[in-house]
């Protein structure tokens, strides 16, 4: 994450990939990889990672991230929102119908 904050996106990806080998469901690492890939112009890869993030955190939304994550209140929060949106992450989270469909699929209904 520090490498990404410093603008070293290739290095950030290298360390994030090492981190994912240890824990393939680490959401913070996946967010770092999304940011780095968008900044490097690798939008298809960022979108693939965004889909993976939504599988791990189905309720993720850019709005919730900005409201609850410490970096969501930092000076680069607007840029992060743009990056996450470019990667295809939802601004406001899943709709009620998506929640119901998801609950049906997992048998929680």
N, C-alpha and C. Protein backbone atom coordinates (compact mmCIF):
# COMPACT_ATOMS: atom_id res chain seq x y z
N UNK A 1 0.82 -1.20 0.00
CA UNK A 1 0.00 0.00 0.00
C UNK A 1 0.86 1.26 0.00
N UNK A 2 1.98 1.20 0.73
CA UNK A 2 2.87 2.36 0.78
C UNK A 2 3.46 2.64 -0.60
N UNK A 3 3.80 1.59 -1.33
CA UNK A 3 4.35 1.78 -2.68
C UNK A 3 3.32 2.46 -3.58
N UNK A 4 2.08 2.03 -3.46
CA UNK A 4 1.02 2.63 -4.27
C UNK A 4 0.81 4.09 -3.90
N UNK A 5 0.85 4.38 -2.60
CA UNK A 5 0.67 5.76 -2.15
C UNK A 5 1.79 6.64 -2.69
N UNK A 6 2.96 6.06 -2.87
CA UNK A 6 4.10 6.82 -3.39
C UNK A 6 4.11 6.87 -4.91
N UNK A 7 3.13 6.23 -5.55
CA UNK A 7 3.06 6.24 -7.01
C UNK A 7 3.85 5.13 -7.68
N UNK A 8 4.38 4.21 -6.91
CA UNK A 8 5.15 3.08 -7.45
C UNK A 8 4.19 1.90 -7.67
N UNK A 9 3.37 1.98 -8.70
CA UNK A 9 2.29 1.01 -8.88
C UNK A 9 2.78 -0.37 -9.26
N UNK A 10 3.83 -0.47 -10.04
CA UNK A 10 4.38 -1.80 -10.37
C UNK A 10 4.88 -2.48 -9.10
N UNK A 11 5.58 -1.73 -8.26
CA UNK A 11 6.08 -2.27 -7.00
C UNK A 11 4.91 -2.64 -6.08
N UNK A 12 3.90 -1.80 -6.04
CA UNK A 12 2.72 -2.09 -5.22
C UNK A 12 2.08 -3.40 -5.66
N UNK A 13 1.99 -3.62 -6.98
CA UNK A 13 1.42 -4.87 -7.48
C UNK A 13 2.28 -6.07 -7.09
N UNK A 14 3.58 -5.92 -7.17
CA UNK A 14 4.48 -7.01 -6.79
C UNK A 14 4.23 -7.43 -5.34
N UNK A 15 4.22 -6.46 -4.43
CA UNK A 15 4.03 -6.79 -3.02
C UNK A 15 2.61 -7.28 -2.74
N UNK A 16 1.63 -6.73 -3.44
CA UNK A 16 0.25 -7.17 -3.26
C UNK A 16 0.08 -8.62 -3.72
N UNK A 17 0.72 -8.98 -4.82
CA UNK A 17 0.65 -10.37 -5.29
C UNK A 17 1.27 -11.32 -4.28
N UNK A 18 2.36 -10.90 -3.64
CA UNK A 18 2.96 -11.71 -2.58
C UNK A 18 1.98 -11.88 -1.42
N UNK A 19 1.32 -10.81 -1.06
CA UNK A 19 0.34 -10.83 0.03
C UNK A 19 -0.82 -11.76 -0.30
N UNK A 20 -1.30 -11.71 -1.54
CA UNK A 20 -2.43 -12.57 -1.93
C UNK A 20 -2.07 -14.04 -1.91
N UNK A 21 -0.81 -14.35 -2.11
CA UNK A 21 -0.40 -15.76 -2.02
C UNK A 21 -0.60 -16.27 -0.60
N UNK A 22 -0.39 -15.41 0.38
CA UNK A 22 -0.58 -15.79 1.78
C UNK A 22 -2.05 -15.81 2.17
N UNK A 23 -2.85 -14.90 1.61
CA UNK A 23 -4.27 -14.81 1.94
C UNK A 23 -5.01 -14.28 0.72
N UNK A 24 -5.57 -15.20 -0.07
CA UNK A 24 -6.20 -14.81 -1.34
C UNK A 24 -7.52 -14.06 -1.16
N UNK A 25 -7.99 -13.92 0.08
CA UNK A 25 -9.25 -13.22 0.33
C UNK A 25 -9.03 -11.90 1.08
N UNK A 26 -7.83 -11.38 1.06
CA UNK A 26 -7.52 -10.15 1.80
C UNK A 26 -8.02 -8.94 1.00
N UNK A 27 -9.15 -8.40 1.43
CA UNK A 27 -9.82 -7.34 0.67
C UNK A 27 -8.95 -6.09 0.49
N UNK A 28 -8.21 -5.72 1.51
CA UNK A 28 -7.37 -4.53 1.40
C UNK A 28 -6.32 -4.69 0.31
N UNK A 29 -5.75 -5.88 0.22
CA UNK A 29 -4.76 -6.16 -0.83
C UNK A 29 -5.41 -6.07 -2.21
N UNK A 30 -6.61 -6.61 -2.33
CA UNK A 30 -7.31 -6.56 -3.62
C UNK A 30 -7.63 -5.11 -3.99
N UNK A 31 -8.03 -4.30 -3.02
CA UNK A 31 -8.28 -2.88 -3.31
C UNK A 31 -6.99 -2.19 -3.79
N UNK A 32 -5.87 -2.52 -3.15
CA UNK A 32 -4.58 -1.95 -3.57
C UNK A 32 -4.29 -2.34 -5.01
N UNK A 33 -4.56 -3.59 -5.36
CA UNK A 33 -4.31 -4.06 -6.72
C UNK A 33 -5.23 -3.38 -7.73
N UNK A 34 -6.47 -3.13 -7.33
CA UNK A 34 -7.40 -2.42 -8.21
C UNK A 34 -6.86 -1.02 -8.50
N UNK A 35 -6.45 -0.32 -7.46
CA UNK A 35 -5.92 1.03 -7.62
C UNK A 35 -4.70 1.03 -8.54
N UNK A 36 -3.76 0.14 -8.26
CA UNK A 36 -2.52 0.09 -9.06
C UNK A 36 -2.82 -0.22 -10.52
N UNK A 37 -3.71 -1.17 -10.76
CA UNK A 37 -4.03 -1.53 -12.15
C UNK A 37 -4.71 -0.39 -12.89
N UNK A 38 -5.63 0.30 -12.24
CA UNK A 38 -6.27 1.44 -12.90
C UNK A 38 -5.23 2.52 -13.20
N UNK A 39 -4.38 2.81 -12.24
CA UNK A 39 -3.36 3.85 -12.45
C UNK A 39 -2.39 3.47 -13.57
N UNK A 40 -2.19 2.18 -13.78
CA UNK A 40 -1.32 1.71 -14.86
C UNK A 40 -2.07 1.53 -16.18
N UNK A 41 -3.38 1.84 -16.18
CA UNK A 41 -4.17 1.73 -17.40
C UNK A 41 -4.62 0.32 -17.72
N UNK A 42 -4.53 -0.57 -16.76
CA UNK A 42 -4.92 -1.98 -16.96
C UNK A 42 -6.35 -2.19 -16.46
N UNK A 43 -7.27 -1.56 -17.15
CA UNK A 43 -8.66 -1.56 -16.72
C UNK A 43 -9.28 -2.96 -16.71
N UNK A 44 -9.07 -3.80 -17.72
CA UNK A 44 -9.66 -5.15 -17.66
C UNK A 44 -9.21 -5.93 -16.41
N UNK A 45 -7.95 -5.82 -16.05
CA UNK A 45 -7.46 -6.51 -14.85
C UNK A 45 -8.07 -5.89 -13.60
N UNK A 46 -8.21 -4.58 -13.57
CA UNK A 46 -8.84 -3.91 -12.43
C UNK A 46 -10.29 -4.37 -12.29
N UNK A 47 -10.99 -4.53 -13.40
CA UNK A 47 -12.38 -4.99 -13.36
C UNK A 47 -12.49 -6.44 -12.88
N UNK A 48 -11.53 -7.27 -13.29
CA UNK A 48 -11.51 -8.66 -12.81
C UNK A 48 -11.31 -8.69 -11.29
N UNK A 49 -10.41 -7.85 -10.80
CA UNK A 49 -10.16 -7.78 -9.36
C UNK A 49 -11.36 -7.19 -8.62
N UNK A 50 -12.05 -6.23 -9.24
CA UNK A 50 -13.25 -5.66 -8.63
C UNK A 50 -14.32 -6.74 -8.46
N UNK A 51 -14.46 -7.61 -9.45
CA UNK A 51 -15.42 -8.71 -9.34
C UNK A 51 -15.02 -9.64 -8.21
N UNK A 52 -13.73 -9.89 -8.07
CA UNK A 52 -13.25 -10.74 -6.97
C UNK A 52 -13.53 -10.08 -5.62
N UNK A 53 -13.30 -8.78 -5.53
CA UNK A 53 -13.59 -8.05 -4.29
C UNK A 53 -15.06 -8.17 -3.92
N UNK A 54 -15.94 -8.04 -4.91
CA UNK A 54 -17.38 -8.13 -4.64
C UNK A 54 -17.80 -9.54 -4.23
N UNK A 55 -17.05 -10.54 -4.63
CA UNK A 55 -17.35 -11.90 -4.16
C UNK A 55 -16.97 -12.04 -2.69
N UNK A 56 -15.90 -11.38 -2.28
CA UNK A 56 -15.44 -11.43 -0.90
C UNK A 56 -16.25 -10.50 -0.01
N UNK A 57 -16.54 -9.32 -0.53
CA UNK A 57 -17.31 -8.30 0.20
C UNK A 57 -18.52 -7.90 -0.64
N UNK A 58 -19.58 -8.71 -0.65
CA UNK A 58 -20.72 -8.43 -1.52
C UNK A 58 -21.41 -7.09 -1.23
N UNK A 59 -21.26 -6.56 -0.03
CA UNK A 59 -21.89 -5.29 0.32
C UNK A 59 -20.98 -4.09 0.07
N UNK A 60 -19.81 -4.32 -0.54
CA UNK A 60 -18.89 -3.21 -0.78
C UNK A 60 -19.55 -2.16 -1.66
N UNK A 61 -19.36 -0.92 -1.28
CA UNK A 61 -19.72 0.19 -2.15
C UNK A 61 -18.68 1.28 -1.96
N UNK A 62 -18.52 2.09 -2.97
CA UNK A 62 -17.57 3.19 -2.88
C UNK A 62 -17.99 4.13 -1.76
N UNK A 63 -19.27 4.42 -1.68
CA UNK A 63 -19.78 5.32 -0.63
C UNK A 63 -19.45 4.78 0.77
N UNK A 64 -19.71 3.50 1.00
CA UNK A 64 -19.43 2.89 2.31
C UNK A 64 -17.93 2.93 2.60
N UNK A 65 -17.13 2.66 1.58
CA UNK A 65 -15.68 2.71 1.75
C UNK A 65 -15.24 4.12 2.17
N UNK A 66 -15.73 5.13 1.47
CA UNK A 66 -15.35 6.51 1.79
C UNK A 66 -15.82 6.91 3.18
N UNK A 67 -16.98 6.42 3.58
CA UNK A 67 -17.53 6.77 4.90
C UNK A 67 -16.81 6.07 6.05
N UNK A 68 -16.32 4.85 5.81
CA UNK A 68 -15.82 4.03 6.93
C UNK A 68 -14.32 3.78 6.95
N UNK A 69 -13.66 3.89 5.83
CA UNK A 69 -12.23 3.57 5.78
C UNK A 69 -11.41 4.83 6.06
N UNK A 70 -10.34 4.72 6.86
CA UNK A 70 -9.53 5.92 7.17
C UNK A 70 -9.06 6.67 5.92
N UNK A 71 -8.68 5.97 4.87
CA UNK A 71 -8.22 6.68 3.67
C UNK A 71 -9.38 7.32 2.91
N UNK A 72 -10.61 6.95 3.28
CA UNK A 72 -11.77 7.56 2.66
C UNK A 72 -11.95 9.02 3.05
N UNK A 73 -11.26 9.41 4.10
CA UNK A 73 -11.32 10.81 4.54
C UNK A 73 -10.01 11.55 4.25
N UNK A 74 -9.15 10.93 3.47
CA UNK A 74 -7.86 11.55 3.16
C UNK A 74 -7.99 12.48 1.97
N UNK A 75 -6.91 13.14 1.67
CA UNK A 75 -6.90 14.08 0.55
C UNK A 75 -7.11 13.43 -0.80
N UNK A 76 -6.85 12.13 -0.89
CA UNK A 76 -7.00 11.45 -2.19
C UNK A 76 -8.28 10.63 -2.28
N UNK A 77 -9.24 10.90 -1.40
CA UNK A 77 -10.49 10.13 -1.39
C UNK A 77 -11.25 10.27 -2.70
N UNK A 78 -11.31 11.46 -3.26
CA UNK A 78 -12.04 11.65 -4.52
C UNK A 78 -11.39 10.86 -5.64
N UNK A 79 -10.07 10.83 -5.66
CA UNK A 79 -9.36 10.06 -6.68
C UNK A 79 -9.65 8.58 -6.52
N UNK A 80 -9.65 8.08 -5.28
CA UNK A 80 -9.96 6.67 -5.05
C UNK A 80 -11.37 6.34 -5.54
N UNK A 81 -12.30 7.22 -5.28
CA UNK A 81 -13.67 7.00 -5.74
C UNK A 81 -13.70 6.88 -7.26
N UNK A 82 -12.98 7.76 -7.96
CA UNK A 82 -12.92 7.69 -9.43
C UNK A 82 -12.30 6.38 -9.89
N UNK A 83 -11.24 5.97 -9.22
CA UNK A 83 -10.55 4.73 -9.58
C UNK A 83 -11.48 3.54 -9.39
N UNK A 84 -12.13 3.46 -8.24
CA UNK A 84 -13.02 2.34 -7.97
C UNK A 84 -14.18 2.32 -8.96
N UNK A 85 -14.69 3.50 -9.30
CA UNK A 85 -15.78 3.57 -10.28
C UNK A 85 -15.30 3.10 -11.65
N UNK A 86 -14.10 3.49 -12.04
CA UNK A 86 -13.54 3.07 -13.33
C UNK A 86 -13.37 1.55 -13.37
N UNK A 87 -13.10 0.95 -12.21
CA UNK A 87 -12.94 -0.50 -12.13
C UNK A 87 -14.29 -1.22 -12.11
N UNK A 88 -15.38 -0.46 -12.03
CA UNK A 88 -16.70 -1.08 -12.07
C UNK A 88 -17.32 -1.37 -10.72
N UNK A 89 -16.74 -0.84 -9.65
CA UNK A 89 -17.33 -1.06 -8.33
C UNK A 89 -18.54 -0.15 -8.16
N UNK A 90 -19.55 -0.61 -7.42
CA UNK A 90 -20.78 0.18 -7.28
C UNK A 90 -20.60 1.37 -6.34
N UNK A 91 -21.22 2.47 -6.68
CA UNK A 91 -21.14 3.66 -5.81
C UNK A 91 -21.93 3.44 -4.52
N UNK A 92 -23.11 2.84 -4.63
CA UNK A 92 -23.98 2.74 -3.47
C UNK A 92 -24.28 1.32 -3.02
N UNK A 93 -23.66 0.34 -3.56
CA UNK A 93 -23.86 -1.03 -3.11
C UNK A 93 -24.96 -1.73 -3.86
N UNK A 94 -25.17 -2.99 -3.49
CA UNK A 94 -26.16 -3.79 -4.20
C UNK A 94 -27.58 -3.28 -3.95
N UNK A 95 -28.41 -3.49 -4.93
CA UNK A 95 -29.82 -3.11 -4.78
C UNK A 95 -30.52 -4.17 -3.95
N UNK A 96 -31.71 -3.86 -3.50
CA UNK A 96 -32.48 -4.81 -2.70
C UNK A 96 -32.72 -6.10 -3.47
N UNK A 97 -32.99 -6.00 -4.77
CA UNK A 97 -33.25 -7.21 -5.56
C UNK A 97 -31.98 -8.06 -5.66
N UNK A 98 -30.81 -7.42 -5.73
CA UNK A 98 -29.57 -8.19 -5.75
C UNK A 98 -29.37 -8.92 -4.43
N UNK A 99 -29.70 -8.25 -3.31
CA UNK A 99 -29.60 -8.89 -2.00
C UNK A 99 -30.51 -10.11 -1.93
N UNK A 100 -31.74 -9.97 -2.40
CA UNK A 100 -32.68 -11.09 -2.36
C UNK A 100 -32.21 -12.24 -3.23
N UNK A 101 -31.72 -11.93 -4.42
CA UNK A 101 -31.23 -12.97 -5.32
C UNK A 101 -30.04 -13.69 -4.67
N UNK A 102 -29.15 -12.94 -4.06
CA UNK A 102 -27.98 -13.52 -3.40
C UNK A 102 -28.41 -14.42 -2.24
N UNK A 103 -29.39 -13.98 -1.46
CA UNK A 103 -29.87 -14.78 -0.34
C UNK A 103 -30.52 -16.07 -0.84
N UNK A 104 -31.26 -15.99 -1.94
CA UNK A 104 -31.86 -17.20 -2.51
C UNK A 104 -30.79 -18.18 -2.95
N UNK A 105 -29.75 -17.66 -3.59
CA UNK A 105 -28.68 -18.52 -4.10
C UNK A 105 -27.93 -19.22 -2.97
N UNK A 106 -27.81 -18.57 -1.82
CA UNK A 106 -27.08 -19.17 -0.70
C UNK A 106 -28.00 -19.90 0.27
N UNK A 107 -29.31 -19.86 0.01
CA UNK A 107 -30.26 -20.55 0.87
C UNK A 107 -30.55 -19.83 2.17
N UNK A 108 -30.26 -18.54 2.24
CA UNK A 108 -30.48 -17.78 3.47
C UNK A 108 -31.89 -17.23 3.57
N UNK A 109 -32.65 -17.29 2.52
CA UNK A 109 -33.97 -16.68 2.52
C UNK A 109 -34.95 -17.48 3.35
